[in-house]
């Protein structure tokens, strides 16, 4: 099985931005890893992620990544 590293375009919004150590948006991944595995690798607690989008479409944390996707993670939003 080919475990060649590839990249995704990762965007961490609002309070999640603190988990991104550099300004670079390209994130290396292993083909087939899930969004949950990516979050774990970046030390992002699942409880801090409310919405996941892959290429502009709502996704779940068990969604697999192949490389080349645009992934956006959003925290819960408060207000009122």
PDB file of N, CA and C in Angstrom:
ATOM      1  N   UNK A   1       0.838  -1.179   0.000  1.00  0.00           N
ATOM      2  CA  UNK A   1       0.000   0.000   0.000  1.00  0.00           C
ATOM      3  C   UNK A   1       0.882   1.241   0.000  1.00  0.00           C
ATOM      4  N   UNK A   2       0.512   2.207  -0.807  1.00  0.00           N
ATOM      5  CA  UNK A   2       1.306   3.414  -0.952  1.00  0.00           C
ATOM      6  C   UNK A   2       0.963   4.412   0.151  1.00  0.00           C
ATOM      7  N   UNK A   3       1.926   4.756   0.975  1.00  0.00           N
ATOM      8  CA  UNK A   3       1.733   5.726   2.053  1.00  0.00           C
ATOM      9  C   UNK A   3       2.411   7.052   1.713  1.00  0.00           C
ATOM     10  N   UNK A   4       2.463   7.381   0.414  1.00  0.00           N
ATOM     11  CA  UNK A   4       3.094   8.613  -0.018  1.00  0.00           C
ATOM     12  C   UNK A   4       2.405   9.815   0.614  1.00  0.00           C
ATOM     13  N   UNK A   5       3.167  10.693   1.251  1.00  0.00           N
ATOM     14  CA  UNK A   5       2.557  11.889   1.825  1.00  0.00           C
ATOM     15  C   UNK A   5       2.026  12.794   0.714  1.00  0.00           C
ATOM     16  N   UNK A   6       0.969  13.465   0.996  1.00  0.00           N
ATOM     17  CA  UNK A   6       0.379  14.442   0.095  1.00  0.00           C
ATOM     18  C   UNK A   6      -0.091  15.602   0.958  1.00  0.00           C
ATOM     19  N   UNK A   7      -0.734  16.586   0.370  1.00  0.00           N
ATOM     20  CA  UNK A   7      -1.159  17.739   1.166  1.00  0.00           C
ATOM     21  C   UNK A   7      -2.629  18.070   0.921  1.00  0.00           C
ATOM     22  N   UNK A   8      -3.184  18.811   1.880  1.00  0.00           N
ATOM     23  CA  UNK A   8      -4.514  19.398   1.754  1.00  0.00           C
ATOM     24  C   UNK A   8      -4.378  20.889   2.041  1.00  0.00           C
ATOM     25  N   UNK A   9      -5.373  21.648   1.663  1.00  0.00           N
ATOM     26  CA  UNK A   9      -5.459  23.067   1.999  1.00  0.00           C
ATOM     27  C   UNK A   9      -6.289  23.152   3.278  1.00  0.00           C
ATOM     28  N   UNK A  10      -5.641  23.358   4.415  1.00  0.00           N
ATOM     29  CA  UNK A  10      -6.309  23.343   5.714  1.00  0.00           C
ATOM     30  C   UNK A  10      -6.550  24.753   6.210  1.00  0.00           C
ATOM     31  N   UNK A  11      -7.803  25.021   6.587  1.00  0.00           N
ATOM     32  CA  UNK A  11      -8.175  26.318   7.156  1.00  0.00           C
ATOM     33  C   UNK A  11      -8.779  26.088   8.533  1.00  0.00           C
ATOM     34  N   UNK A  12      -8.188  26.725   9.533  1.00  0.00           N
ATOM     35  CA  UNK A  12      -8.684  26.654  10.909  1.00  0.00           C
ATOM     36  C   UNK A  12      -9.235  28.029  11.260  1.00  0.00           C
ATOM     37  N   UNK A  13     -10.516  28.092  11.568  1.00  0.00           N
ATOM     38  CA  UNK A  13     -11.181  29.376  11.757  1.00  0.00           C
ATOM     39  C   UNK A  13     -11.340  29.739  13.229  1.00  0.00           C
ATOM     40  N   UNK A  14     -11.370  31.051  13.464  1.00  0.00           N
ATOM     41  CA  UNK A  14     -11.620  31.647  14.780  1.00  0.00           C
ATOM     42  C   UNK A  14     -10.676  31.063  15.838  1.00  0.00           C
ATOM     43  N   UNK A  15     -11.217  30.521  16.913  1.00  0.00           N
ATOM     44  CA  UNK A  15     -10.394  30.049  18.030  1.00  0.00           C
ATOM     45  C   UNK A  15      -9.541  28.835  17.674  1.00  0.00           C
ATOM     46  N   UNK A  16      -9.835  28.160  16.567  1.00  0.00           N
ATOM     47  CA  UNK A  16      -9.028  26.998  16.173  1.00  0.00           C
ATOM     48  C   UNK A  16      -7.699  27.406  15.543  1.00  0.00           C
ATOM     49  N   UNK A  17      -7.567  28.664  15.141  1.00  0.00           N
ATOM     50  CA  UNK A  17      -6.342  29.132  14.493  1.00  0.00           C
ATOM     51  C   UNK A  17      -5.110  28.927  15.373  1.00  0.00           C
ATOM     52  N   UNK A  18      -5.297  28.891  16.673  1.00  0.00           N
ATOM     53  CA  UNK A  18      -4.155  28.719  17.587  1.00  0.00           C
ATOM     54  C   UNK A  18      -3.474  27.363  17.423  1.00  0.00           C
ATOM     55  N   UNK A  19      -4.147  26.405  16.799  1.00  0.00           N
ATOM     56  CA  UNK A  19      -3.558  25.084  16.590  1.00  0.00           C
ATOM     57  C   UNK A  19      -2.706  25.018  15.330  1.00  0.00           C
ATOM     58  N   UNK A  20      -2.648  26.100  14.606  1.00  0.00           N
ATOM     59  CA  UNK A  20      -1.862  26.167  13.377  1.00  0.00           C
ATOM     60  C   UNK A  20      -0.592  26.943  13.688  1.00  0.00           C
ATOM     61  N   UNK A  21       0.552  26.270  13.832  1.00  0.00           N
ATOM     62  CA  UNK A  21       1.764  26.962  14.262  1.00  0.00           C
ATOM     63  C   UNK A  21       2.339  27.924  13.229  1.00  0.00           C
ATOM     64  N   UNK A  22       2.077  27.715  11.958  1.00  0.00           N
ATOM     65  CA  UNK A  22       2.613  28.601  10.928  1.00  0.00           C
ATOM     66  C   UNK A  22       1.468  29.102  10.056  1.00  0.00           C
ATOM     67  N   UNK A  23       1.751  30.091   9.242  1.00  0.00           N
ATOM     68  CA  UNK A  23       0.731  30.683   8.380  1.00  0.00           C
ATOM     69  C   UNK A  23       0.440  29.825   7.149  1.00  0.00           C
ATOM     70  N   UNK A  24       1.312  28.897   6.850  1.00  0.00           N
ATOM     71  CA  UNK A  24       1.161  28.026   5.681  1.00  0.00           C
ATOM     72  C   UNK A  24      -0.163  27.274   5.737  1.00  0.00           C
ATOM     73  N   UNK A  25      -0.920  27.284   4.641  1.00  0.00           N
ATOM     74  CA  UNK A  25      -2.223  26.609   4.598  1.00  0.00           C
ATOM     75  C   UNK A  25      -2.101  25.152   4.154  1.00  0.00           C
ATOM     76  N   UNK A  26      -1.003  24.786   3.506  1.00  0.00           N
ATOM     77  CA  UNK A  26      -0.834  23.411   3.038  1.00  0.00           C
ATOM     78  C   UNK A  26      -0.431  22.528   4.214  1.00  0.00           C
ATOM     79  N   UNK A  27      -1.171  21.444   4.404  1.00  0.00           N
ATOM     80  CA  UNK A  27      -0.916  20.524   5.512  1.00  0.00           C
ATOM     81  C   UNK A  27      -0.595  19.143   4.955  1.00  0.00           C
ATOM     82  N   UNK A  28       0.571  18.597   5.288  1.00  0.00           N
ATOM     83  CA  UNK A  28       0.874  17.227   4.850  1.00  0.00           C
ATOM     84  C   UNK A  28      -0.056  16.226   5.541  1.00  0.00           C
ATOM     85  N   UNK A  29      -0.505  15.231   4.793  1.00  0.00           N
ATOM     86  CA  UNK A  29      -1.343  14.160   5.343  1.00  0.00           C
ATOM     87  C   UNK A  29      -0.904  12.830   4.743  1.00  0.00           C
ATOM     88  N   UNK A  30      -1.415  11.749   5.329  1.00  0.00           N
ATOM     89  CA  UNK A  30      -1.289  10.411   4.732  1.00  0.00           C
ATOM     90  C   UNK A  30      -2.594  10.142   3.997  1.00  0.00           C
ATOM     91  N   UNK A  31      -2.497   9.719   2.765  1.00  0.00           N
ATOM     92  CA  UNK A  31      -3.701   9.369   1.995  1.00  0.00           C
ATOM     93  C   UNK A  31      -4.551   8.387   2.774  1.00  0.00           C
ATOM     94  N   UNK A  32      -5.851   8.664   2.878  1.00  0.00           N
ATOM     95  CA  UNK A  32      -6.775   7.777   3.568  1.00  0.00           C
ATOM     96  C   UNK A  32      -6.998   8.107   5.030  1.00  0.00           C
ATOM     97  N   UNK A  33      -6.174   9.001   5.600  1.00  0.00           N
ATOM     98  CA  UNK A  33      -6.406   9.361   6.998  1.00  0.00           C
ATOM     99  C   UNK A  33      -7.717  10.127   7.096  1.00  0.00           C
ATOM    100  N   UNK A  34      -8.374  10.027   8.236  1.00  0.00           N
ATOM    101  CA  UNK A  34      -9.651  10.716   8.427  1.00  0.00           C
ATOM    102  C   UNK A  34      -9.421  12.116   8.990  1.00  0.00           C
ATOM    103  N   UNK A  35     -10.457  12.915   8.952  1.00  0.00           N
ATOM    104  CA  UNK A  35     -10.381  14.247   9.550  1.00  0.00           C
ATOM    105  C   UNK A  35     -10.089  14.120  11.047  1.00  0.00           C
ATOM    106  N   UNK A  36     -10.688  13.137  11.710  1.00  0.00           N
ATOM    107  CA  UNK A  36     -10.430  12.918  13.143  1.00  0.00           C
ATOM    108  C   UNK A  36      -8.952  12.618  13.392  1.00  0.00           C
ATOM    109  N   UNK A  37      -8.338  11.815  12.531  1.00  0.00           N
ATOM    110  CA  UNK A  37      -6.911  11.509  12.684  1.00  0.00           C
ATOM    111  C   UNK A  37      -6.066  12.758  12.454  1.00  0.00           C
ATOM    112  N   UNK A  38      -6.462  13.586  11.506  1.00  0.00           N
ATOM    113  CA  UNK A  38      -5.770  14.853  11.258  1.00  0.00           C
ATOM    114  C   UNK A  38      -5.865  15.751  12.486  1.00  0.00           C
ATOM    115  N   UNK A  39      -7.069  15.866  13.050  1.00  0.00           N
ATOM    116  CA  UNK A  39      -7.254  16.685  14.248  1.00  0.00           C
ATOM    117  C   UNK A  39      -6.392  16.165  15.396  1.00  0.00           C
ATOM    118  N   UNK A  40      -6.336  14.857  15.555  1.00  0.00           N
ATOM    119  CA  UNK A  40      -5.518  14.270  16.614  1.00  0.00           C
ATOM    120  C   UNK A  40      -4.041  14.585  16.388  1.00  0.00           C
ATOM    121  N   UNK A  41      -3.583  14.491  15.149  1.00  0.00           N
ATOM    122  CA  UNK A  41      -2.181  14.774  14.827  1.00  0.00           C
ATOM    123  C   UNK A  41      -1.815  16.227  15.124  1.00  0.00           C
ATOM    124  N   UNK A  42      -2.795  17.125  15.015  1.00  0.00           N
ATOM    125  CA  UNK A  42      -2.556  18.548  15.279  1.00  0.00           C
ATOM    126  C   UNK A  42      -2.932  18.954  16.702  1.00  0.00           C
ATOM    127  N   UNK A  43      -3.286  17.963  17.541  1.00  0.00           N
ATOM    128  CA  UNK A  43      -3.687  18.223  18.932  1.00  0.00           C
ATOM    129  C   UNK A  43      -4.902  19.143  19.036  1.00  0.00           C
ATOM    130  N   UNK A  44      -5.842  18.993  18.102  1.00  0.00           N
ATOM    131  CA  UNK A  44      -7.080  19.764  18.144  1.00  0.00           C
ATOM    132  C   UNK A  44      -8.144  18.905  18.824  1.00  0.00           C
ATOM    133  N   UNK A  45      -8.625  19.305  20.002  1.00  0.00           N
ATOM    134  CA  UNK A  45      -9.663  18.522  20.685  1.00  0.00           C
ATOM    135  C   UNK A  45     -10.954  18.475  19.858  1.00  0.00           C
ATOM    136  N   UNK A  46     -11.516  17.302  19.714  1.00  0.00           N
ATOM    137  CA  UNK A  46     -12.760  17.137  18.948  1.00  0.00           C
ATOM    138  C   UNK A  46     -13.868  18.017  19.513  1.00  0.00           C
ATOM    139  N   UNK A  47     -13.842  18.247  20.819  1.00  0.00           N
ATOM    140  CA  UNK A  47     -14.880  19.063  21.458  1.00  0.00           C
ATOM    141  C   UNK A  47     -14.836  20.525  21.005  1.00  0.00           C
ATOM    142  N   UNK A  48     -13.719  20.951  20.413  1.00  0.00           N
ATOM    143  CA  UNK A  48     -13.586  22.334  19.960  1.00  0.00           C
ATOM    144  C   UNK A  48     -13.985  22.520  18.501  1.00  0.00           C
ATOM    145  N   UNK A  49     -14.308  21.424  17.807  1.00  0.00           N
ATOM    146  CA  UNK A  49     -14.686  21.505  16.392  1.00  0.00           C
ATOM    147  C   UNK A  49     -16.175  21.216  16.255  1.00  0.00           C
ATOM    148  N   UNK A  50     -16.903  22.180  15.721  1.00  0.00           N
ATOM    149  CA  UNK A  50     -18.353  22.029  15.547  1.00  0.00           C
ATOM    150  C   UNK A  50     -18.710  21.664  14.106  1.00  0.00           C
ATOM    151  N   UNK A  51     -18.043  22.298  13.144  1.00  0.00           N
ATOM    152  CA  UNK A  51     -18.347  22.070  11.734  1.00  0.00           C
ATOM    153  C   UNK A  51     -17.093  21.713  10.958  1.00  0.00           C
ATOM    154  N   UNK A  52     -17.246  20.775  10.035  1.00  0.00           N
ATOM    155  CA  UNK A  52     -16.168  20.348   9.146  1.00  0.00           C
ATOM    156  C   UNK A  52     -16.686  20.475   7.719  1.00  0.00           C
ATOM    157  N   UNK A  53     -15.906  21.124   6.869  1.00  0.00           N
ATOM    158  CA  UNK A  53     -16.244  21.210   5.453  1.00  0.00           C
ATOM    159  C   UNK A  53     -15.080  20.673   4.632  1.00  0.00           C
ATOM    160  N   UNK A  54     -15.391  19.859   3.646  1.00  0.00           N
ATOM    161  CA  UNK A  54     -14.394  19.366   2.697  1.00  0.00           C
ATOM    162  C   UNK A  54     -14.851  19.815   1.318  1.00  0.00           C
ATOM    163  N   UNK A  55     -14.030  20.623   0.669  1.00  0.00           N
ATOM    164  CA  UNK A  55     -14.368  21.188  -0.647  1.00  0.00           C
ATOM    165  C   UNK A  55     -15.744  21.850  -0.631  1.00  0.00           C
ATOM    166  N   UNK A  56     -16.035  22.562   0.461  1.00  0.00           N
ATOM    167  CA  UNK A  56     -17.270  23.323   0.566  1.00  0.00           C
ATOM    168  C   UNK A  56     -18.509  22.530   0.934  1.00  0.00           C
ATOM    169  N   UNK A  57     -18.350  21.243   1.208  1.00  0.00           N
ATOM    170  CA  UNK A  57     -19.478  20.376   1.549  1.00  0.00           C
ATOM    171  C   UNK A  57     -19.334  19.909   2.992  1.00  0.00           C
ATOM    172  N   UNK A  58     -20.415  19.991   3.761  1.00  0.00           N
ATOM    173  CA  UNK A  58     -20.402  19.546   5.165  1.00  0.00           C
ATOM    174  C   UNK A  58     -19.944  18.101   5.243  1.00  0.00           C
ATOM    175  N   UNK A  59     -19.055  17.806   6.181  1.00  0.00           N
ATOM    176  CA  UNK A  59     -18.498  16.462   6.333  1.00  0.00           C
ATOM    177  C   UNK A  59     -18.460  16.082   7.805  1.00  0.00           C
ATOM    178  N   UNK A  60     -18.142  14.825   8.055  1.00  0.00           N
ATOM    179  CA  UNK A  60     -18.019  14.304   9.417  1.00  0.00           C
ATOM    180  C   UNK A  60     -16.550  14.015   9.712  1.00  0.00           C
ATOM    181  N   UNK A  61     -16.244  13.811  10.984  1.00  0.00           N
ATOM    182  CA  UNK A  61     -14.850  13.581  11.376  1.00  0.00           C
ATOM    183  C   UNK A  61     -14.302  12.251  10.875  1.00  0.00           C
ATOM    184  N   UNK A  62     -15.179  11.317  10.508  1.00  0.00           N
ATOM    185  CA  UNK A  62     -14.689  10.037   9.990  1.00  0.00           C
ATOM    186  C   UNK A  62     -14.515  10.050   8.470  1.00  0.00           C
ATOM    187  N   UNK A  63     -14.642  11.227   7.856  1.00  0.00           N
ATOM    188  CA  UNK A  63     -14.454  11.353   6.406  1.00  0.00           C
ATOM    189  C   UNK A  63     -12.983  11.166   6.051  1.00  0.00           C
ATOM    190  N   UNK A  64     -12.676  10.298   5.070  1.00  0.00           N
ATOM    191  CA  UNK A  64     -11.284  10.087   4.670  1.00  0.00           C
ATOM    192  C   UNK A  64     -10.785  11.205   3.756  1.00  0.00           C
ATOM    193  N   UNK A  65      -9.495  11.450   3.817  1.00  0.00           N
ATOM    194  CA  UNK A  65      -8.842  12.459   2.980  1.00  0.00           C
ATOM    195  C   UNK A  65      -7.904  11.766   1.995  1.00  0.00           C
ATOM    196  N   UNK A  66      -7.880  12.246   0.762  1.00  0.00           N
ATOM    197  CA  UNK A  66      -7.024  11.644  -0.259  1.00  0.00           C
ATOM    198  C   UNK A  66      -5.892  12.566  -0.693  1.00  0.00           C
ATOM    199  N   UNK A  67      -6.024  13.842  -0.389  1.00  0.00           N
ATOM    200  CA  UNK A  67      -5.036  14.824  -0.813  1.00  0.00           C
ATOM    201  C   UNK A  67      -5.643  15.754  -1.847  1.00  0.00           C
ATOM    202  N   UNK A  68      -5.280  17.011  -1.768  1.00  0.00           N
ATOM    203  CA  UNK A  68      -5.789  18.004  -2.690  1.00  0.00           C
ATOM    204  C   UNK A  68      -7.080  18.667  -2.247  1.00  0.00           C
ATOM    205  N   UNK A  69      -7.703  18.157  -1.183  1.00  0.00           N
ATOM    206  CA  UNK A  69      -8.957  18.743  -0.711  1.00  0.00           C
ATOM    207  C   UNK A  69      -8.720  20.079  -0.012  1.00  0.00           C
ATOM    208  N   UNK A  70      -9.801  20.841   0.080  1.00  0.00           N
ATOM    209  CA  UNK A  70      -9.856  22.060   0.875  1.00  0.00           C
ATOM    210  C   UNK A  70     -10.653  21.706   2.117  1.00  0.00           C
ATOM    211  N   UNK A  71     -10.024  21.746   3.280  1.00  0.00           N
ATOM    212  CA  UNK A  71     -10.672  21.346   4.532  1.00  0.00           C
ATOM    213  C   UNK A  71     -10.777  22.563   5.446  1.00  0.00           C
ATOM    214  N   UNK A  72     -11.983  22.808   5.935  1.00  0.00           N
ATOM    215  CA  UNK A  72     -12.213  23.900   6.874  1.00  0.00           C
ATOM    216  C   UNK A  72     -12.782  23.366   8.171  1.00  0.00           C
ATOM    217  N   UNK A  73     -12.190  23.768   9.288  1.00  0.00           N
ATOM    218  CA  UNK A  73     -12.675  23.381  10.612  1.00  0.00           C
ATOM    219  C   UNK A  73     -13.148  24.642  11.336  1.00  0.00           C
ATOM    220  N   UNK A  74     -14.367  24.560  11.890  1.00  0.00           N
ATOM    221  CA  UNK A  74     -14.982  25.700  12.561  1.00  0.00           C
ATOM    222  C   UNK A  74     -15.349  25.333  13.990  1.00  0.00           C
ATOM    223  N   UNK A  75     -15.103  26.245  14.941  1.00  0.00           N
ATOM    224  CA  UNK A  75     -15.501  26.002  16.330  1.00  0.00           C
ATOM    225  C   UNK A  75     -16.980  26.328  16.521  1.00  0.00           C
ATOM    226  N   UNK A  76     -17.540  25.966  17.685  1.00  0.00           N
ATOM    227  CA  UNK A  76     -18.897  26.427  17.996  1.00  0.00           C
ATOM    228  C   UNK A  76     -18.892  27.958  18.042  1.00  0.00           C
ATOM    229  N   UNK A  77     -19.973  28.550  17.608  1.00  0.00           N
ATOM    230  CA  UNK A  77     -20.063  30.009  17.595  1.00  0.00           C
ATOM    231  C   UNK A  77     -21.081  30.436  18.640  1.00  0.00           C
ATOM    232  N   UNK A  78     -20.657  31.349  19.495  1.00  0.00           N
ATOM    233  CA  UNK A  78     -21.561  31.867  20.515  1.00  0.00           C
ATOM    234  C   UNK A  78     -22.046  33.244  20.125  1.00  0.00           C
ATOM    235  N   UNK A  79     -23.001  33.700  20.809  1.00  0.00           N
ATOM    236  CA  UNK A  79     -23.505  35.045  20.549  1.00  0.00           C
ATOM    237  C   UNK A  79     -24.940  35.160  21.013  1.00  0.00           C
ATOM    238  N   UNK A  80     -25.472  36.292  20.754  1.00  0.00           N
ATOM    239  CA  UNK A  80     -26.863  36.421  21.144  1.00  0.00           C
ATOM    240  C   UNK A  80     -27.298  37.788  21.356  1.00  0.00           C
TER     241      UNK A  80
END
